PDB file of N, CA and C in Angstrom:
ATOM      1  N   MET A   1     115.745  59.109 110.679  1.00  0.00           N
ATOM      2  CA  MET A   1     114.590  58.236 110.926  1.00  0.00           C
ATOM      3  C   MET A   1     114.011  58.818 112.563  1.00  0.00           C
ATOM      4  N   PHE A   2     115.526  59.144 113.285  1.00  0.00           N
ATOM      5  CA  PHE A   2     115.631  59.951 114.695  1.00  0.00           C
ATOM      6  C   PHE A   2     114.652  61.158 114.035  1.00  0.00           C
ATOM      7  N   GLN A   3     114.736  62.092 113.641  1.00  0.00           N
ATOM      8  CA  GLN A   3     113.596  63.377 113.256  1.00  0.00           C
ATOM      9  C   GLN A   3     112.109  62.644 112.852  1.00  0.00           C
ATOM     10  N   ASP A   4     112.058  61.881 112.479  1.00  0.00           N
ATOM     11  CA  ASP A   4     110.449  60.940 112.214  1.00  0.00           C
ATOM     12  C   ASP A   4     109.987  60.635 113.976  1.00  0.00           C
ATOM     13  N   ILE A   5     110.637  60.221 114.349  1.00  0.00           N
ATOM     14  CA  ILE A   5     110.382  59.474 115.772  1.00  0.00           C
ATOM     15  C   ILE A   5     110.187  61.180 116.475  1.00  0.00           C
ATOM     16  N   MET A   6     111.188  61.753 116.032  1.00  0.00           N
ATOM     17  CA  MET A   6     110.885  62.920 117.166  1.00  0.00           C
ATOM     18  C   MET A   6     109.509  63.716 116.925  1.00  0.00           C
ATOM     19  N   LYS A   7     109.052  63.916 115.579  1.00  0.00           N
ATOM     20  CA  LYS A   7     108.548  64.481 115.008  1.00  0.00           C
ATOM     21  C   LYS A   7     106.609  63.966 115.516  1.00  0.00           C
ATOM     22  N   ASP A   8     107.056  62.617 115.476  1.00  0.00           N
ATOM     23  CA  ASP A   8     105.700  61.875 115.989  1.00  0.00           C
ATOM     24  C   ASP A   8     105.710  61.700 117.404  1.00  0.00           C
ATOM     25  N   SER A   9     106.711  62.601 118.267  1.00  0.00           N
ATOM     26  CA  SER A   9     106.262  62.710 119.801  1.00  0.00           C
ATOM     27  C   SER A   9     105.203  63.718 120.282  1.00  0.00           C
ATOM     28  N   TRP A  10     104.602  63.367 121.246  1.00  0.00           N
ATOM     29  CA  TRP A  10     103.744  63.966 121.574  1.00  0.00           C
ATOM     30  C   TRP A  10     104.555  65.636 122.548  1.00  0.00           C
ATOM     31  N   VAL A  11     105.351  65.449 122.914  1.00  0.00           N
ATOM     32  CA  VAL A  11     106.539  66.725 123.025  1.00  0.00           C
ATOM     33  C   VAL A  11     106.925  67.846 122.178  1.00  0.00           C
ATOM     34  N   TYR A  12     107.242  66.816 120.967  1.00  0.00           N
ATOM     35  CA  TYR A  12     107.368  67.865 119.754  1.00  0.00           C
ATOM     36  C   TYR A  12     106.164  68.652 119.369  1.00  0.00           C
ATOM     37  N   GLN A  13     104.926  67.667 119.208  1.00  0.00           N
ATOM     38  CA  GLN A  13     103.660  68.226 119.083  1.00  0.00           C
ATOM     39  C   GLN A  13     103.043  69.472 119.769  1.00  0.00           C
ATOM     40  N   GLU A  14     103.855  69.258 121.095  1.00  0.00           N
ATOM     41  CA  GLU A  14     103.119  70.047 121.773  1.00  0.00           C
ATOM     42  C   GLU A  14     104.185  71.558 121.442  1.00  0.00           C
ATOM     43  N   ILE A  15     105.190  71.114 121.330  1.00  0.00           N
ATOM     44  CA  ILE A  15     106.178  72.476 120.994  1.00  0.00           C
ATOM     45  C   ILE A  15     105.552  73.323 119.921  1.00  0.00           C
ATOM     46  N   VAL A  16     105.316  72.838 118.786  1.00  0.00           N
ATOM     47  CA  VAL A  16     104.694  73.513 117.587  1.00  0.00           C
ATOM     48  C   VAL A  16     103.657  73.939 117.874  1.00  0.00           C
ATOM     49  N   GLN A  17     102.352  73.538 118.504  1.00  0.00           N
ATOM     50  CA  GLN A  17     101.006  74.205 118.512  1.00  0.00           C
ATOM     51  C   GLN A  17     101.630  74.750 119.169  1.00  0.00           C
ATOM     52  N   GLU A  18     102.217  75.320 120.351  1.00  0.00           N
ATOM     53  CA  GLU A  18     102.359  76.416 121.020  1.00  0.00           C
ATOM     54  C   GLU A  18     103.099  77.504 120.118  1.00  0.00           C
ATOM     55  N   SER A  19     103.861  77.241 119.378  1.00  0.00           N
ATOM     56  CA  SER A  19     104.593  78.300 118.412  1.00  0.00           C
ATOM     57  C   SER A  19     103.903  78.564 117.666  1.00  0.00           C
ATOM     58  N   GLU A  20     102.825  77.749 117.243  1.00  0.00           N
ATOM     59  CA  GLU A  20     102.042  78.197 116.152  1.00  0.00           C
ATOM     60  C   GLU A  20     100.611  79.435 116.939  1.00  0.00           C
ATOM     61  N   GLU A  21     100.658  79.042 118.080  1.00  0.00           N
ATOM     62  CA  GLU A  21      99.385  79.925 119.042  1.00  0.00           C
ATOM     63  C   GLU A  21     100.003  81.006 118.878  1.00  0.00           C
ATOM     64  N   ARG A  22     101.635  81.155 119.460  1.00  0.00           N
ATOM     65  CA  ARG A  22     102.236  81.880 119.838  1.00  0.00           C
ATOM     66  C   ARG A  22     102.532  83.095 118.507  1.00  0.00           C
ATOM     67  N   GLY A  23     102.464  82.652 116.867  1.00  0.00           N
ATOM     68  CA  GLY A  23     102.616  82.862 115.915  1.00  0.00           C
ATOM     69  C   GLY A  23     101.425  83.702 115.879  1.00  0.00           C
ATOM     70  N   LEU A  24     100.566  83.042 115.815  1.00  0.00           N
ATOM     71  CA  LEU A  24      98.721  83.432 115.820  1.00  0.00           C
ATOM     72  C   LEU A  24      98.531  84.490 116.525  1.00  0.00           C
ATOM     73  N   ALA A  25      99.420  84.968 118.004  1.00  0.00           N
ATOM     74  CA  ALA A  25      98.272  85.756 119.023  1.00  0.00           C
ATOM     75  C   ALA A  25      99.716  86.839 118.339  1.00  0.00           C
ATOM     76  N   LYS A  26     100.542  86.840 117.785  1.00  0.00           N
ATOM     77  CA  LYS A  26     101.385  87.962 117.016  1.00  0.00           C
ATOM     78  C   LYS A  26     101.264  88.662 116.001  1.00  0.00           C
ATOM     79  N   GLY A  27     100.697  87.669 114.967  1.00  0.00           N
ATOM     80  CA  GLY A  27      99.538  88.354 113.748  1.00  0.00           C
ATOM     81  C   GLY A  27      98.246  89.159 114.483  1.00  0.00           C
ATOM     82  N   LEU A  28      97.865  88.094 115.116  1.00  0.00           N
ATOM     83  CA  LEU A  28      95.917  89.251 115.160  1.00  0.00           C
ATOM     84  C   LEU A  28      96.606  90.620 115.649  1.00  0.00           C
ATOM     85  N   GLN A  29      97.456  90.548 117.294  1.00  0.00           N
ATOM     86  CA  GLN A  29      98.237  92.078 117.627  1.00  0.00           C
ATOM     87  C   GLN A  29      99.023  92.819 116.273  1.00  0.00           C
ATOM     88  N   ALA A  30      99.483  92.537 115.249  1.00  0.00           N
ATOM     89  CA  ALA A  30     100.029  93.485 114.740  1.00  0.00           C
ATOM     90  C   ALA A  30      98.848  93.965 113.178  1.00  0.00           C
ATOM     91  N   GLN A  31      97.948  93.124 113.381  1.00  0.00           N
ATOM     92  CA  GLN A  31      97.130  93.362 112.549  1.00  0.00           C
ATOM     93  C   GLN A  31      96.120  94.633 113.415  1.00  0.00           C
ATOM     94  N   ARG A  32      95.847  94.281 114.488  1.00  0.00           N
ATOM     95  CA  ARG A  32      95.095  95.023 115.318  1.00  0.00           C
ATOM     96  C   ARG A  32      96.000  96.525 114.854  1.00  0.00           C
ATOM     97  N   ARG A  33      96.716  96.318 115.575  1.00  0.00           N
ATOM     98  CA  ARG A  33      97.531  97.710 115.391  1.00  0.00           C
ATOM     99  C   ARG A  33      97.813  98.450 113.976  1.00  0.00           C
ATOM    100  N   VAL A  34      97.418  98.177 113.027  1.00  0.00           N
ATOM    101  CA  VAL A  34      97.753  98.442 111.606  1.00  0.00           C
ATOM    102  C   VAL A  34      96.179  98.907 111.642  1.00  0.00           C
ATOM    103  N   ILE A  35      95.234  98.321 111.939  1.00  0.00           N
ATOM    104  CA  ILE A  35      93.990  99.123 111.572  1.00  0.00           C
ATOM    105  C   ILE A  35      93.599 100.449 112.773  1.00  0.00           C
ATOM    106  N   VAL A  36      94.108  99.917 113.881  1.00  0.00           N
ATOM    107  CA  VAL A  36      94.327 101.448 114.694  1.00  0.00           C
ATOM    108  C   VAL A  36      95.001 102.533 114.357  1.00  0.00           C
ATOM    109  N   ASN A  37      96.379 102.113 113.742  1.00  0.00           N
ATOM    110  CA  ASN A  37      97.161 103.162 112.797  1.00  0.00           C
ATOM    111  C   ASN A  37      96.456 103.504 111.614  1.00  0.00           C
ATOM    112  N   ILE A  38      95.858 103.213 111.211  1.00  0.00           N
ATOM    113  CA  ILE A  38      95.112 103.556 109.742  1.00  0.00           C
ATOM    114  C   ILE A  38      93.991 104.658 110.522  1.00  0.00           C
ATOM    115  N   VAL A  39      93.106 104.136 111.034  1.00  0.00           N
ATOM    116  CA  VAL A  39      92.160 105.149 111.911  1.00  0.00           C
ATOM    117  C   VAL A  39      92.628 106.363 112.797  1.00  0.00           C
ATOM    118  N   ARG A  40      93.835 106.472 113.176  1.00  0.00           N
ATOM    119  CA  ARG A  40      94.500 107.259 113.968  1.00  0.00           C
ATOM    120  C   ARG A  40      94.788 108.313 112.910  1.00  0.00           C
ATOM    121  N   ASN A  41      95.219 107.714 111.599  1.00  0.00           N
ATOM    122  CA  ASN A  41      96.072 108.564 110.329  1.00  0.00           C
ATOM    123  C   ASN A  41      94.928 109.165 109.945  1.00  0.00           C
ATOM    124  N   ARG A  42      93.744 108.670 109.720  1.00  0.00           N
ATOM    125  CA  ARG A  42      93.182 109.078 108.454  1.00  0.00           C
ATOM    126  C   ARG A  42      91.762 109.583 109.744  1.00  0.00           C
ATOM    127  N   PHE A  43      90.941 109.465 110.784  1.00  0.00           N
ATOM    128  CA  PHE A  43      89.836 110.063 111.580  1.00  0.00           C
ATOM    129  C   PHE A  43      90.407 109.715 112.783  1.00  0.00           C
ATOM    130  N   PRO A  44      91.284 110.444 113.151  1.00  0.00           N
ATOM    131  CA  PRO A  44      91.656 110.234 114.694  1.00  0.00           C
ATOM    132  C   PRO A  44      90.463 110.621 115.531  1.00  0.00           C
ATOM    133  N   GLU A  45      89.914 110.705 115.488  1.00  0.00           N
ATOM    134  CA  GLU A  45      88.152 110.848 116.452  1.00  0.00           C
ATOM    135  C   GLU A  45      87.885 109.445 117.028  1.00  0.00           C
ATOM    136  N   LEU A  46      88.170 108.730 115.976  1.00  0.00           N
ATOM    137  CA  LEU A  46      87.575 107.468 116.154  1.00  0.00           C
ATOM    138  C   LEU A  46      88.648 106.019 116.202  1.00  0.00           C
ATOM    139  N   GLU A  47      89.637 106.712 116.714  1.00  0.00           N
ATOM    140  CA  GLU A  47      91.091 105.807 117.427  1.00  0.00           C
ATOM    141  C   GLU A  47      90.376 105.147 118.398  1.00  0.00           C
ATOM    142  N   GLU A  48      89.509 105.312 119.527  1.00  0.00           N
ATOM    143  CA  GLU A  48      89.332 104.592 120.538  1.00  0.00           C
ATOM    144  C   GLU A  48      88.035 103.877 120.154  1.00  0.00           C
ATOM    145  N   LEU A  49      87.227 103.807 119.731  1.00  0.00           N
ATOM    146  CA  LEU A  49      86.669 102.955 119.097  1.00  0.00           C
ATOM    147  C   LEU A  49      86.751 101.986 118.168  1.00  0.00           C
ATOM    148  N   ALA A  50      87.783 102.331 117.491  1.00  0.00           N
ATOM    149  CA  ALA A  50      88.783 101.249 116.747  1.00  0.00           C
ATOM    150  C   ALA A  50      89.530 100.722 117.721  1.00  0.00           C
ATOM    151  N   SER A  51      89.975 100.725 118.709  1.00  0.00           N
ATOM    152  CA  SER A  51      90.593 100.062 119.444  1.00  0.00           C
ATOM    153  C   SER A  51      90.069  99.527 120.741  1.00  0.00           C
ATOM    154  N   ARG A  52      89.087  99.571 120.936  1.00  0.00           N
ATOM    155  CA  ARG A  52      87.823  98.935 121.540  1.00  0.00           C
ATOM    156  C   ARG A  52      87.681  97.727 120.368  1.00  0.00           C
ATOM    157  N   HIS A  53      87.010  98.101 119.451  1.00  0.00           N
ATOM    158  CA  HIS A  53      86.544  97.136 118.881  1.00  0.00           C
ATOM    159  C   HIS A  53      87.680  96.000 118.422  1.00  0.00           C
ATOM    160  N   VAL A  54      88.946  96.211 117.858  1.00  0.00           N
ATOM    161  CA  VAL A  54      89.975  95.008 117.609  1.00  0.00           C
ATOM    162  C   VAL A  54      90.494  94.958 118.258  1.00  0.00           C
ATOM    163  N   ALA A  55      89.990  95.362 119.952  1.00  0.00           N
ATOM    164  CA  ALA A  55      90.524  94.230 121.103  1.00  0.00           C
ATOM    165  C   ALA A  55      90.113  93.435 121.348  1.00  0.00           C
ATOM    166  N   TYR A  56      88.694  92.831 120.697  1.00  0.00           N
ATOM    167  CA  TYR A  56      88.412  91.776 121.054  1.00  0.00           C
ATOM    168  C   TYR A  56      87.841  90.481 119.970  1.00  0.00           C
ATOM    169  N   MET A  57      88.884  90.920 118.305  1.00  0.00           N
ATOM    170  CA  MET A  57      88.459  90.659 117.741  1.00  0.00           C
ATOM    171  C   MET A  57      89.952  89.360 117.370  1.00  0.00           C
ATOM    172  N   ASN A  58      89.412  87.709 116.972  1.00  0.00           N
ATOM    173  CA  ASN A  58      90.169  86.875 117.315  1.00  0.00           C
ATOM    174  C   ASN A  58      90.461  86.310 116.053  1.00  0.00           C
ATOM    175  N   ASP A  59      90.011  86.916 114.633  1.00  0.00           N
ATOM    176  CA  ASP A  59      89.865  86.174 113.497  1.00  0.00           C
ATOM    177  C   ASP A  59      91.162  86.751 112.143  1.00  0.00           C
ATOM    178  N   LEU A  60      91.771  86.321 112.323  1.00  0.00           N
ATOM    179  CA  LEU A  60      92.483  87.329 111.609  1.00  0.00           C
ATOM    180  C   LEU A  60      92.615  87.667 109.969  1.00  0.00           C
ATOM    181  N   ASP A  61      91.672  86.436 109.320  1.00  0.00           N
ATOM    182  CA  ASP A  61      91.030  87.141 108.048  1.00  0.00           C
ATOM    183  C   ASP A  61      89.798  87.957 108.243  1.00  0.00           C
ATOM    184  N   ALA A  62      89.058  87.556 109.327  1.00  0.00           N
ATOM    185  CA  ALA A  62      88.380  89.029 109.557  1.00  0.00           C
ATOM    186  C   ALA A  62      89.226  90.382 109.758  1.00  0.00           C
ATOM    187  N   LEU A  63      89.796  90.468 110.744  1.00  0.00           N
ATOM    188  CA  LEU A  63      91.205  91.690 110.783  1.00  0.00           C
ATOM    189  C   LEU A  63      91.120  92.038 109.336  1.00  0.00           C
ATOM    190  N   SER A  64      91.682  91.597 108.618  1.00  0.00           N
ATOM    191  CA  SER A  64      92.309  91.509 107.379  1.00  0.00           C
ATOM    192  C   SER A  64      91.187  92.403 106.801  1.00  0.00           C
ATOM    193  N   LEU A  65      89.933  91.783 106.631  1.00  0.00           N
ATOM    194  CA  LEU A  65      89.120  92.525 105.783  1.00  0.00           C
ATOM    195  C   LEU A  65      88.476  93.689 106.613  1.00  0.00           C
ATOM    196  N   LEU A  66      88.588  93.725 107.603  1.00  0.00           N
ATOM    197  CA  LEU A  66      88.269  95.092 108.364  1.00  0.00           C
ATOM    198  C   LEU A  66      89.381  96.198 107.709  1.00  0.00           C
ATOM    199  N   THR A  67      90.741  95.776 107.553  1.00  0.00           N
ATOM    200  CA  THR A  67      91.417  96.529 107.337  1.00  0.00           C
ATOM    201  C   THR A  67      91.594  96.882 105.969  1.00  0.00           C
ATOM    202  N   VAL A  68      91.151  96.622 105.275  1.00  0.00           N
ATOM    203  CA  VAL A  68      90.772  97.416 103.553  1.00  0.00           C
ATOM    204  C   VAL A  68      89.480  98.151 103.597  1.00  0.00           C
ATOM    205  N   SER A  69      88.515  97.412 104.695  1.00  0.00           N
ATOM    206  CA  SER A  69      87.370  98.335 104.753  1.00  0.00           C
ATOM    207  C   SER A  69      87.471  99.571 105.742  1.00  0.00           C
ATOM    208  N   VAL A  70      88.722 100.029 106.222  1.00  0.00           N
ATOM    209  CA  VAL A  70      88.549 101.102 107.467  1.00  0.00           C
ATOM    210  C   VAL A  70      89.523 101.758 106.033  1.00  0.00           C
ATOM    211  N   ALA A  71      90.542 101.024 105.309  1.00  0.00           N
ATOM    212  CA  ALA A  71      91.347 101.959 104.807  1.00  0.00           C
ATOM    213  C   ALA A  71      91.049 102.901 103.561  1.00  0.00           C
ATOM    214  N   SER A  72      89.665 102.029 102.951  1.00  0.00           N
ATOM    215  CA  SER A  72      88.844 102.721 102.158  1.00  0.00           C
ATOM    216  C   SER A  72      87.521 103.147 102.539  1.00  0.00           C
ATOM    217  N   ALA A  73      87.520 103.415 103.801  1.00  0.00           N
ATOM    218  CA  ALA A  73      86.264 104.222 104.409  1.00  0.00           C
ATOM    219  C   ALA A  73      86.146 105.775 103.452  1.00  0.00           C
ATOM    220  N   PRO A  74      85.338 106.011 103.100  1.00  0.00           N
ATOM    221  CA  PRO A  74      85.060 107.574 102.249  1.00  0.00           C
ATOM    222  C   PRO A  74      85.399 108.912 103.026  1.00  0.00           C
ATOM    223  N   ASP A  75      84.611 108.422 104.449  1.00  0.00           N
ATOM    224  CA  ASP A  75      84.816 109.686 105.574  1.00  0.00           C
ATOM    225  C   ASP A  75      84.536 108.946 106.920  1.00  0.00           C
ATOM    226  N   VAL A  76      83.980 110.191 107.803  1.00  0.00           N
ATOM    227  CA  VAL A  76      84.104 109.575 109.355  1.00  0.00           C
ATOM    228  C   VAL A  76      83.424 108.711 109.546  1.00  0.00           C
ATOM    229  N   ASP A  77      81.713 109.025 108.827  1.00  0.00           N
ATOM    230  CA  ASP A  77      80.882 108.966 109.405  1.00  0.00           C
ATOM    231  C   ASP A  77      80.468 107.613 108.600  1.00  0.00           C
ATOM    232  N   ALA A  78      80.985 107.001 107.516  1.00  0.00           N
ATOM    233  CA  ALA A  78      81.262 105.720 106.745  1.00  0.00           C
ATOM    234  C   ALA A  78      82.150 104.892 107.818  1.00  0.00           C
ATOM    235  N   LEU A  79      82.898 105.680 108.252  1.00  0.00           N
ATOM    236  CA  LEU A  79      83.824 104.451 108.818  1.00  0.00           C
ATOM    237  C   LEU A  79      83.232 104.126 110.382  1.00  0.00           C
ATOM    238  N   ARG A  80      82.734 105.109 111.377  1.00  0.00           N
ATOM    239  CA  ARG A  80      81.823 105.088 112.533  1.00  0.00           C
ATOM    240  C   ARG A  80      80.760 104.144 111.864  1.00  0.00           C
ATOM    241  N   LYS A  81      79.905 104.155 111.104  1.00  0.00           N
ATOM    242  CA  LYS A  81      79.115 102.793 110.897  1.00  0.00           C
ATOM    243  C   LYS A  81      79.578 101.275 110.595  1.00  0.00           C
ATOM    244  N   LEU A  82      80.857 101.584 109.698  1.00  0.00           N
ATOM    245  CA  LEU A  82      81.477  99.952 109.558  1.00  0.00           C
ATOM    246  C   LEU A  82      82.037  99.923 111.006  1.00  0.00           C
ATOM    247  N   LEU A  83      82.455 100.364 111.879  1.00  0.00           N
ATOM    248  CA  LEU A  83      83.016  99.918 112.963  1.00  0.00           C
ATOM    249  C   LEU A  83      81.826  99.335 113.892  1.00  0.00           C
ATOM    250  N   ASN A  84      80.620  99.875 114.105  1.00  0.00           N
ATOM    251  CA  ASN A  84      79.474  99.927 115.072  1.00  0.00           C
ATOM    252  C   ASN A  84      78.860  98.764 114.178  1.00  0.00           C
ATOM    253  N   ASP A  85      78.719  98.698 112.427  1.00  0.00           N
ATOM    254  CA  ASP A  85      77.941  97.255 112.447  1.00  0.00           C
ATOM    255  C   ASP A  85      78.681  96.012 112.824  1.00  0.00           C
ATOM    256  N   SER A  86      80.222  95.844 112.439  1.00  0.00           N
ATOM    257  CA  SER A  86      80.977  95.257 112.469  1.00  0.00           C
ATOM    258  C   SER A  86      81.175  94.296 114.114  1.00  0.00           C
ATOM    259  N   ILE A  87      81.168  95.893 114.919  1.00  0.00           N
ATOM    260  CA  ILE A  87      80.591  95.082 116.601  1.00  0.00           C
ATOM    261  C   ILE A  87      79.174  94.193 116.560  1.00  0.00           C
ATOM    262  N   LYS A  88      78.650  94.624 115.920  1.00  0.00           N
ATOM    263  CA  LYS A  88      77.588  93.862 116.433  1.00  0.00           C
ATOM    264  C   LYS A  88      76.881  92.586 115.784  1.00  0.00           C
ATOM    265  N   SER A  89      78.429  92.217 114.385  1.00  0.00           N
ATOM    266  CA  SER A  89      78.448  91.082 114.143  1.00  0.00           C
ATOM    267  C   SER A  89      78.725  90.055 114.501  1.00  0.00           C
TER     268      SER A  89
END
């Protein structure tokens, strides 16, 4: 019963929200690092472009889709186009 009262309190809700926001921020940072690491490994000349691009992305789903696209880009030109096109979106 006490737990139910605590869960309904604004303090508890605030703590939960802050925890979720920190978790999302950590997830975004991790996904950005994955993308940059893949680019660094496959096409190091595009690492800076990728770093600049993903730094402003705040949608975890979009970052996940970009990760798959980056990992499957057939060559440097295709990856450059992919990064430039996704910056415009």
